[in-house]
Amino acid sequence: MSSLINFFEHESIAIYSSADDWSQAIDLSMKNLLERKYITPDYIQAIKDTTREIGPYYLLAPGIAMPHARPECGALQTALSVTLLRQGVSFEAESPPVRLLIGLAAKDSDSHIEAIQALSEMLCENEVIDELLDAKNTEELINIIQRY
């Protein structure tokens, strides 16, 4: 059983004070995956286009989103990123602002299943979600993720 942290590069765990809007929040969450060539710019565009068409289909829990698109939209590798926003960004009027974005790139339909299972384990505990949202720095985020 591989650890959840293996799906992250340490540079793909980042904290920002805020984002101007949901579109910039997606850019921030995908920035490292794009820089490391895990995804193409088309992948980010696909997330934004689908969000405009059908809404934020990737809201996991109050304040938590997992932006992703289909593998064929430009996912080159399977990887995850974590972006914590000190101030949340509204993705849709009736949902609480999102503060934690887990960017997902999956190069095929199977390779990310393990990561998703470990993520769901981590995110099913409210105390852990609070810990993630209250993390003071990226080291704290890494330490929390390493437990899974």
N, C-alpha and C. Protein backbone atom coordinates (compact mmCIF):
# COMPACT_ATOMS: atom_id res chain seq x y z
N MET A 1 0.86 -1.20 0.00
CA MET A 1 0.00 0.00 0.00
C MET A 1 0.89 1.24 0.00
N SER A 2 0.83 2.00 -1.07
CA SER A 2 1.71 3.17 -1.12
C SER A 2 1.06 4.33 -0.37
N SER A 3 1.90 5.17 0.13
CA SER A 3 1.43 6.29 0.95
C SER A 3 0.92 7.41 0.05
N LEU A 4 -0.05 8.12 0.55
CA LEU A 4 -0.65 9.23 -0.21
C LEU A 4 0.40 10.25 -0.62
N ILE A 5 1.37 10.50 0.23
CA ILE A 5 2.38 11.53 -0.05
C ILE A 5 3.16 11.21 -1.32
N ASN A 6 3.23 9.92 -1.71
CA ASN A 6 3.96 9.55 -2.92
C ASN A 6 3.36 10.12 -4.20
N PHE A 7 2.11 10.55 -4.13
CA PHE A 7 1.46 11.12 -5.30
C PHE A 7 1.75 12.62 -5.44
N PHE A 8 2.45 13.19 -4.45
CA PHE A 8 2.75 14.62 -4.45
C PHE A 8 4.25 14.86 -4.59
N GLU A 9 4.61 15.88 -5.32
CA GLU A 9 5.96 16.42 -5.24
C GLU A 9 5.88 17.44 -4.11
N HIS A 10 6.93 17.63 -3.34
CA HIS A 10 6.83 18.62 -2.26
C HIS A 10 6.52 20.02 -2.80
N GLU A 11 7.02 20.31 -4.00
CA GLU A 11 6.74 21.63 -4.58
C GLU A 11 5.28 21.78 -4.98
N SER A 12 4.54 20.67 -5.01
CA SER A 12 3.15 20.77 -5.45
C SER A 12 2.21 21.02 -4.26
N ILE A 13 2.79 21.34 -3.11
CA ILE A 13 2.00 21.66 -1.93
C ILE A 13 2.27 23.12 -1.61
N ALA A 14 1.24 23.95 -1.75
CA ALA A 14 1.46 25.39 -1.65
C ALA A 14 0.35 26.09 -0.87
N ILE A 15 0.70 27.23 -0.30
CA ILE A 15 -0.26 28.04 0.44
C ILE A 15 -0.24 29.45 -0.16
N TYR A 16 -1.41 29.99 -0.44
CA TYR A 16 -1.54 31.35 -0.95
C TYR A 16 -2.51 32.11 -0.06
N SER A 17 -2.36 33.43 -0.03
CA SER A 17 -3.28 34.20 0.82
C SER A 17 -4.70 34.14 0.26
N SER A 18 -4.84 34.27 -1.06
CA SER A 18 -6.16 34.18 -1.65
C SER A 18 -6.03 34.10 -3.16
N ALA A 19 -7.16 33.98 -3.83
CA ALA A 19 -7.22 34.02 -5.29
C ALA A 19 -8.30 35.02 -5.66
N ASP A 20 -8.19 35.64 -6.82
CA ASP A 20 -9.18 36.65 -7.23
C ASP A 20 -10.55 36.03 -7.47
N ASP A 21 -10.57 34.82 -8.01
CA ASP A 21 -11.84 34.15 -8.32
C ASP A 21 -11.56 32.66 -8.49
N TRP A 22 -12.61 31.90 -8.79
CA TRP A 22 -12.44 30.45 -8.90
C TRP A 22 -11.49 30.07 -10.02
N SER A 23 -11.50 30.85 -11.09
CA SER A 23 -10.63 30.54 -12.23
C SER A 23 -9.16 30.66 -11.83
N GLN A 24 -8.82 31.71 -11.09
CA GLN A 24 -7.44 31.85 -10.63
C GLN A 24 -7.10 30.77 -9.59
N ALA A 25 -8.07 30.39 -8.78
CA ALA A 25 -7.84 29.32 -7.80
C ALA A 25 -7.47 28.03 -8.54
N ILE A 26 -8.12 27.76 -9.65
CA ILE A 26 -7.78 26.57 -10.45
C ILE A 26 -6.37 26.71 -11.02
N ASP A 27 -6.05 27.90 -11.53
CA ASP A 27 -4.68 28.13 -12.04
C ASP A 27 -3.65 27.84 -10.96
N LEU A 28 -3.89 28.34 -9.74
CA LEU A 28 -2.94 28.13 -8.65
C LEU A 28 -2.81 26.65 -8.33
N SER A 29 -3.95 25.94 -8.32
CA SER A 29 -3.89 24.52 -7.94
C SER A 29 -3.22 23.67 -9.03
N MET A 30 -3.22 24.16 -10.26
CA MET A 30 -2.64 23.40 -11.37
C MET A 30 -1.24 23.87 -11.74
N LYS A 31 -0.82 25.00 -11.18
CA LYS A 31 0.44 25.65 -11.55
C LYS A 31 1.63 24.69 -11.52
N ASN A 32 1.79 23.99 -10.42
CA ASN A 32 2.94 23.11 -10.29
C ASN A 32 2.85 21.91 -11.22
N LEU A 33 1.63 21.37 -11.38
CA LEU A 33 1.46 20.22 -12.28
C LEU A 33 1.81 20.62 -13.71
N LEU A 34 1.47 21.86 -14.08
CA LEU A 34 1.79 22.37 -15.41
C LEU A 34 3.30 22.59 -15.55
N GLU A 35 3.91 23.23 -14.56
CA GLU A 35 5.36 23.49 -14.59
C GLU A 35 6.15 22.19 -14.69
N ARG A 36 5.67 21.15 -14.03
CA ARG A 36 6.39 19.87 -14.02
C ARG A 36 6.01 18.99 -15.22
N LYS A 37 5.19 19.54 -16.11
CA LYS A 37 4.76 18.86 -17.33
C LYS A 37 3.96 17.58 -17.05
N TYR A 38 3.19 17.60 -15.97
CA TYR A 38 2.25 16.50 -15.69
C TYR A 38 0.96 16.71 -16.47
N ILE A 39 0.70 17.98 -16.81
CA ILE A 39 -0.51 18.31 -17.58
C ILE A 39 -0.12 19.35 -18.64
N THR A 40 -1.01 19.51 -19.62
CA THR A 40 -0.83 20.56 -20.63
C THR A 40 -1.76 21.72 -20.28
N PRO A 41 -1.54 22.89 -20.89
CA PRO A 41 -2.47 24.01 -20.65
C PRO A 41 -3.92 23.65 -21.01
N ASP A 42 -4.09 22.76 -22.00
CA ASP A 42 -5.44 22.33 -22.39
C ASP A 42 -6.20 21.70 -21.23
N TYR A 43 -5.47 21.01 -20.35
CA TYR A 43 -6.09 20.33 -19.21
C TYR A 43 -6.75 21.37 -18.30
N ILE A 44 -6.03 22.46 -18.04
CA ILE A 44 -6.58 23.52 -17.18
C ILE A 44 -7.79 24.16 -17.86
N GLN A 45 -7.67 24.38 -19.16
CA GLN A 45 -8.78 24.98 -19.92
C GLN A 45 -10.01 24.07 -19.87
N ALA A 46 -9.79 22.76 -19.95
CA ALA A 46 -10.90 21.80 -19.91
C ALA A 46 -11.64 21.89 -18.57
N ILE A 47 -10.89 22.04 -17.48
CA ILE A 47 -11.52 22.16 -16.16
C ILE A 47 -12.39 23.41 -16.13
N LYS A 48 -11.84 24.53 -16.62
CA LYS A 48 -12.58 25.80 -16.60
C LYS A 48 -13.81 25.74 -17.51
N ASP A 49 -13.64 25.17 -18.72
CA ASP A 49 -14.77 25.08 -19.65
C ASP A 49 -15.90 24.25 -19.06
N THR A 50 -15.55 23.10 -18.48
CA THR A 50 -16.58 22.23 -17.91
C THR A 50 -17.22 22.90 -16.70
N THR A 51 -16.44 23.63 -15.91
CA THR A 51 -17.00 24.34 -14.76
C THR A 51 -18.03 25.36 -15.24
N ARG A 52 -17.70 26.07 -16.31
CA ARG A 52 -18.65 27.07 -16.85
C ARG A 52 -19.91 26.38 -17.38
N GLU A 53 -19.74 25.19 -17.99
CA GLU A 53 -20.89 24.49 -18.57
C GLU A 53 -21.79 23.87 -17.51
N ILE A 54 -21.20 23.14 -16.58
CA ILE A 54 -22.06 22.37 -15.65
C ILE A 54 -21.87 22.75 -14.18
N GLY A 55 -20.98 23.70 -13.90
CA GLY A 55 -20.74 24.07 -12.51
C GLY A 55 -19.57 23.29 -11.93
N PRO A 56 -19.21 23.59 -10.69
CA PRO A 56 -18.04 22.95 -10.07
C PRO A 56 -18.35 21.52 -9.64
N TYR A 57 -18.18 20.59 -10.57
CA TYR A 57 -18.48 19.17 -10.37
C TYR A 57 -17.51 18.50 -9.42
N TYR A 58 -16.48 19.23 -9.01
CA TYR A 58 -15.39 18.63 -8.23
C TYR A 58 -15.40 19.10 -6.78
N LEU A 59 -16.51 19.68 -6.31
CA LEU A 59 -16.57 20.06 -4.89
C LEU A 59 -16.75 18.77 -4.09
N LEU A 60 -15.82 18.51 -3.17
CA LEU A 60 -15.84 17.24 -2.43
C LEU A 60 -16.59 17.35 -1.12
N ALA A 61 -16.38 18.46 -0.45
CA ALA A 61 -16.94 18.67 0.89
C ALA A 61 -16.95 20.18 1.07
N PRO A 62 -17.65 20.68 2.09
CA PRO A 62 -17.66 22.14 2.27
C PRO A 62 -16.23 22.68 2.37
N GLY A 63 -15.90 23.61 1.49
CA GLY A 63 -14.59 24.24 1.52
C GLY A 63 -13.48 23.47 0.81
N ILE A 64 -13.82 22.31 0.22
CA ILE A 64 -12.79 21.47 -0.42
C ILE A 64 -13.20 21.13 -1.85
N ALA A 65 -12.26 21.35 -2.78
CA ALA A 65 -12.50 21.04 -4.19
C ALA A 65 -11.37 20.19 -4.72
N MET A 66 -11.69 19.37 -5.71
CA MET A 66 -10.66 18.57 -6.38
C MET A 66 -10.77 18.78 -7.88
N PRO A 67 -10.24 19.91 -8.36
CA PRO A 67 -10.34 20.18 -9.80
C PRO A 67 -9.58 19.12 -10.61
N HIS A 68 -10.23 18.63 -11.66
CA HIS A 68 -9.63 17.64 -12.54
C HIS A 68 -10.43 17.61 -13.83
N ALA A 69 -9.83 17.05 -14.85
CA ALA A 69 -10.52 16.85 -16.13
C ALA A 69 -10.25 15.41 -16.57
N ARG A 70 -10.82 15.06 -17.71
CA ARG A 70 -10.62 13.70 -18.21
C ARG A 70 -9.17 13.53 -18.67
N PRO A 71 -8.63 12.31 -18.54
CA PRO A 71 -7.23 12.07 -18.93
C PRO A 71 -6.89 12.59 -20.33
N GLU A 72 -7.81 12.37 -21.28
CA GLU A 72 -7.51 12.76 -22.66
C GLU A 72 -7.50 14.27 -22.89
N CYS A 73 -7.86 15.04 -21.88
CA CYS A 73 -7.85 16.50 -22.00
C CYS A 73 -6.45 17.10 -21.81
N GLY A 74 -5.46 16.26 -21.51
CA GLY A 74 -4.11 16.79 -21.38
C GLY A 74 -3.38 16.35 -20.13
N ALA A 75 -3.79 15.23 -19.54
CA ALA A 75 -3.05 14.70 -18.38
C ALA A 75 -1.93 13.80 -18.93
N LEU A 76 -0.69 14.13 -18.59
CA LEU A 76 0.46 13.39 -19.10
C LEU A 76 0.99 12.38 -18.08
N GLN A 77 0.80 12.68 -16.80
CA GLN A 77 1.26 11.83 -15.70
C GLN A 77 0.16 11.83 -14.64
N THR A 78 0.25 10.91 -13.71
CA THR A 78 -0.68 10.91 -12.60
C THR A 78 0.01 11.60 -11.42
N ALA A 79 -0.62 12.64 -10.93
CA ALA A 79 -0.03 13.40 -9.82
C ALA A 79 -1.12 14.21 -9.13
N LEU A 80 -0.81 14.63 -7.91
CA LEU A 80 -1.73 15.46 -7.13
C LEU A 80 -1.02 16.73 -6.68
N SER A 81 -1.81 17.76 -6.44
CA SER A 81 -1.27 18.98 -5.83
C SER A 81 -2.22 19.39 -4.71
N VAL A 82 -1.70 20.09 -3.72
CA VAL A 82 -2.55 20.65 -2.67
C VAL A 82 -2.31 22.14 -2.61
N THR A 83 -3.39 22.89 -2.68
CA THR A 83 -3.31 24.34 -2.60
C THR A 83 -4.24 24.80 -1.50
N LEU A 84 -3.68 25.47 -0.52
CA LEU A 84 -4.47 26.01 0.58
C LEU A 84 -4.58 27.52 0.39
N LEU A 85 -5.80 28.02 0.40
CA LEU A 85 -6.02 29.47 0.32
C LEU A 85 -6.40 29.96 1.71
N ARG A 86 -5.69 30.96 2.19
CA ARG A 86 -6.02 31.52 3.51
C ARG A 86 -7.43 32.09 3.50
N GLN A 87 -7.80 32.71 2.39
CA GLN A 87 -9.17 33.22 2.24
C GLN A 87 -9.84 32.43 1.14
N GLY A 88 -11.02 31.91 1.44
CA GLY A 88 -11.72 31.07 0.48
C GLY A 88 -12.21 31.82 -0.74
N VAL A 89 -12.49 31.07 -1.79
CA VAL A 89 -12.99 31.62 -3.04
C VAL A 89 -14.32 30.94 -3.34
N SER A 90 -15.29 31.72 -3.77
CA SER A 90 -16.60 31.16 -4.07
C SER A 90 -16.60 30.49 -5.45
N PHE A 91 -17.04 29.24 -5.48
CA PHE A 91 -17.16 28.52 -6.75
C PHE A 91 -18.62 28.50 -7.21
N GLU A 92 -19.54 28.51 -6.27
CA GLU A 92 -20.95 28.66 -6.61
C GLU A 92 -21.67 29.27 -5.43
N ALA A 93 -22.69 30.05 -5.73
CA ALA A 93 -23.32 30.87 -4.70
C ALA A 93 -23.78 30.09 -3.48
N GLU A 94 -24.32 28.89 -3.71
CA GLU A 94 -24.92 28.16 -2.57
C GLU A 94 -23.92 27.31 -1.79
N SER A 95 -22.65 27.29 -2.21
CA SER A 95 -21.65 26.49 -1.50
C SER A 95 -20.71 27.40 -0.71
N PRO A 96 -20.21 26.90 0.42
CA PRO A 96 -19.23 27.70 1.17
C PRO A 96 -17.98 27.93 0.32
N PRO A 97 -17.27 29.03 0.57
CA PRO A 97 -16.05 29.30 -0.20
C PRO A 97 -15.05 28.16 -0.05
N VAL A 98 -14.34 27.88 -1.13
CA VAL A 98 -13.35 26.82 -1.15
C VAL A 98 -12.01 27.35 -0.65
N ARG A 99 -11.40 26.62 0.28
CA ARG A 99 -10.09 27.00 0.80
C ARG A 99 -9.02 25.96 0.50
N LEU A 100 -9.44 24.72 0.25
CA LEU A 100 -8.47 23.66 -0.01
C LEU A 100 -8.76 23.06 -1.37
N LEU A 101 -7.78 23.14 -2.26
CA LEU A 101 -7.93 22.57 -3.59
C LEU A 101 -6.93 21.44 -3.76
N ILE A 102 -7.45 20.28 -4.15
CA ILE A 102 -6.58 19.14 -4.42
C ILE A 102 -6.61 18.93 -5.92
N GLY A 103 -5.55 19.36 -6.58
CA GLY A 103 -5.50 19.23 -8.04
C GLY A 103 -5.16 17.79 -8.40
N LEU A 104 -5.90 17.25 -9.34
CA LEU A 104 -5.68 15.86 -9.75
C LEU A 104 -5.39 15.81 -11.25
N ALA A 105 -4.32 15.14 -11.59
CA ALA A 105 -4.04 14.80 -12.99
C ALA A 105 -3.95 13.28 -13.03
N ALA A 106 -4.73 12.66 -13.88
CA ALA A 106 -4.70 11.20 -14.01
C ALA A 106 -4.47 10.86 -15.47
N LYS A 107 -3.38 10.16 -15.77
CA LYS A 107 -3.06 9.88 -17.16
C LYS A 107 -3.96 8.80 -17.78
N ASP A 108 -4.66 8.04 -16.92
CA ASP A 108 -5.62 7.06 -17.42
C ASP A 108 -6.69 6.85 -16.34
N SER A 109 -7.65 6.01 -16.62
CA SER A 109 -8.76 5.92 -15.68
C SER A 109 -8.46 5.08 -14.45
N ASP A 110 -7.32 4.38 -14.42
CA ASP A 110 -7.02 3.50 -13.28
C ASP A 110 -5.94 4.02 -12.34
N SER A 111 -4.95 4.73 -12.89
CA SER A 111 -3.74 5.01 -12.11
C SER A 111 -3.98 5.89 -10.89
N HIS A 112 -5.11 6.61 -10.85
CA HIS A 112 -5.31 7.50 -9.71
C HIS A 112 -6.23 6.90 -8.64
N ILE A 113 -6.73 5.69 -8.85
CA ILE A 113 -7.71 5.12 -7.92
C ILE A 113 -7.13 4.99 -6.52
N GLU A 114 -5.89 4.52 -6.43
CA GLU A 114 -5.23 4.40 -5.11
C GLU A 114 -5.15 5.75 -4.41
N ALA A 115 -4.77 6.76 -5.18
CA ALA A 115 -4.65 8.11 -4.61
C ALA A 115 -6.00 8.59 -4.10
N ILE A 116 -7.04 8.36 -4.88
CA ILE A 116 -8.39 8.79 -4.49
C ILE A 116 -8.83 8.06 -3.22
N GLN A 117 -8.53 6.77 -3.13
CA GLN A 117 -8.91 6.01 -1.93
C GLN A 117 -8.22 6.57 -0.69
N ALA A 118 -6.92 6.85 -0.80
CA ALA A 118 -6.18 7.39 0.34
C ALA A 118 -6.68 8.79 0.69
N LEU A 119 -7.00 9.57 -0.34
CA LEU A 119 -7.54 10.91 -0.11
C LEU A 119 -8.87 10.85 0.62
N SER A 120 -9.75 9.95 0.17
CA SER A 120 -11.06 9.88 0.83
C SER A 120 -10.92 9.46 2.28
N GLU A 121 -9.95 8.57 2.55
CA GLU A 121 -9.70 8.21 3.94
C GLU A 121 -9.32 9.43 4.76
N MET A 122 -8.41 10.22 4.19
CA MET A 122 -7.93 11.41 4.90
C MET A 122 -9.06 12.42 5.09
N LEU A 123 -9.88 12.60 4.06
CA LEU A 123 -10.88 13.67 4.10
C LEU A 123 -12.20 13.25 4.76
N CYS A 124 -12.29 11.99 5.21
CA CYS A 124 -13.54 11.60 5.86
C CYS A 124 -13.51 11.97 7.34
N GLU A 125 -12.40 12.48 7.81
CA GLU A 125 -12.32 12.88 9.22
C GLU A 125 -12.30 14.40 9.34
N ASN A 126 -13.33 14.92 10.02
CA ASN A 126 -13.44 16.38 10.14
C ASN A 126 -12.23 17.01 10.82
N GLU A 127 -11.65 16.30 11.80
CA GLU A 127 -10.49 16.87 12.51
C GLU A 127 -9.34 17.05 11.54
N VAL A 128 -9.18 16.10 10.62
CA VAL A 128 -8.09 16.18 9.66
C VAL A 128 -8.33 17.35 8.70
N ILE A 129 -9.57 17.52 8.26
CA ILE A 129 -9.90 18.64 7.39
C ILE A 129 -9.56 19.95 8.10
N ASP A 130 -9.94 20.05 9.38
CA ASP A 130 -9.62 21.26 10.15
C ASP A 130 -8.12 21.47 10.23
N GLU A 131 -7.38 20.39 10.46
CA GLU A 131 -5.91 20.49 10.53
C GLU A 131 -5.34 21.02 9.21
N LEU A 132 -5.85 20.47 8.11
CA LEU A 132 -5.37 20.91 6.80
C LEU A 132 -5.68 22.40 6.59
N LEU A 133 -6.91 22.80 6.92
CA LEU A 133 -7.31 24.19 6.71
C LEU A 133 -6.56 25.16 7.62
N ASP A 134 -6.12 24.66 8.78
CA ASP A 134 -5.43 25.52 9.75
C ASP A 134 -3.91 25.44 9.64
N ALA A 135 -3.39 24.67 8.69
CA ALA A 135 -1.94 24.49 8.58
C ALA A 135 -1.25 25.84 8.43
N LYS A 136 -0.17 26.01 9.19
CA LYS A 136 0.55 27.28 9.20
C LYS A 136 1.51 27.39 8.01
N ASN A 137 2.00 26.24 7.54
CA ASN A 137 2.98 26.25 6.45
C ASN A 137 2.91 24.92 5.69
N THR A 138 3.68 24.84 4.61
CA THR A 138 3.63 23.64 3.79
C THR A 138 4.16 22.41 4.53
N GLU A 139 5.12 22.61 5.45
CA GLU A 139 5.62 21.47 6.24
C GLU A 139 4.48 20.80 7.00
N GLU A 140 3.61 21.61 7.61
CA GLU A 140 2.47 21.04 8.35
C GLU A 140 1.56 20.27 7.41
N LEU A 141 1.31 20.81 6.21
CA LEU A 141 0.47 20.11 5.25
C LEU A 141 1.11 18.76 4.90
N ILE A 142 2.41 18.78 4.62
CA ILE A 142 3.12 17.55 4.27
C ILE A 142 3.02 16.53 5.41
N ASN A 143 3.21 16.98 6.64
CA ASN A 143 3.13 16.07 7.79
C ASN A 143 1.76 15.43 7.93
N ILE A 144 0.71 16.18 7.66
CA ILE A 144 -0.65 15.63 7.76
C ILE A 144 -0.84 14.58 6.65
N ILE A 145 -0.45 14.92 5.44
CA ILE A 145 -0.63 14.01 4.30
C ILE A 145 0.18 12.73 4.50
N GLN A 146 1.37 12.85 5.09
CA GLN A 146 2.24 11.68 5.28
C GLN A 146 1.62 10.63 6.20
N ARG A 147 0.64 11.01 6.97
CA ARG A 147 0.00 10.02 7.85
C ARG A 147 -0.88 9.05 7.09
N TYR A 148 -1.17 9.32 5.81
CA TYR A 148 -2.10 8.48 5.03
C TYR A 148 -1.43 7.69 3.92
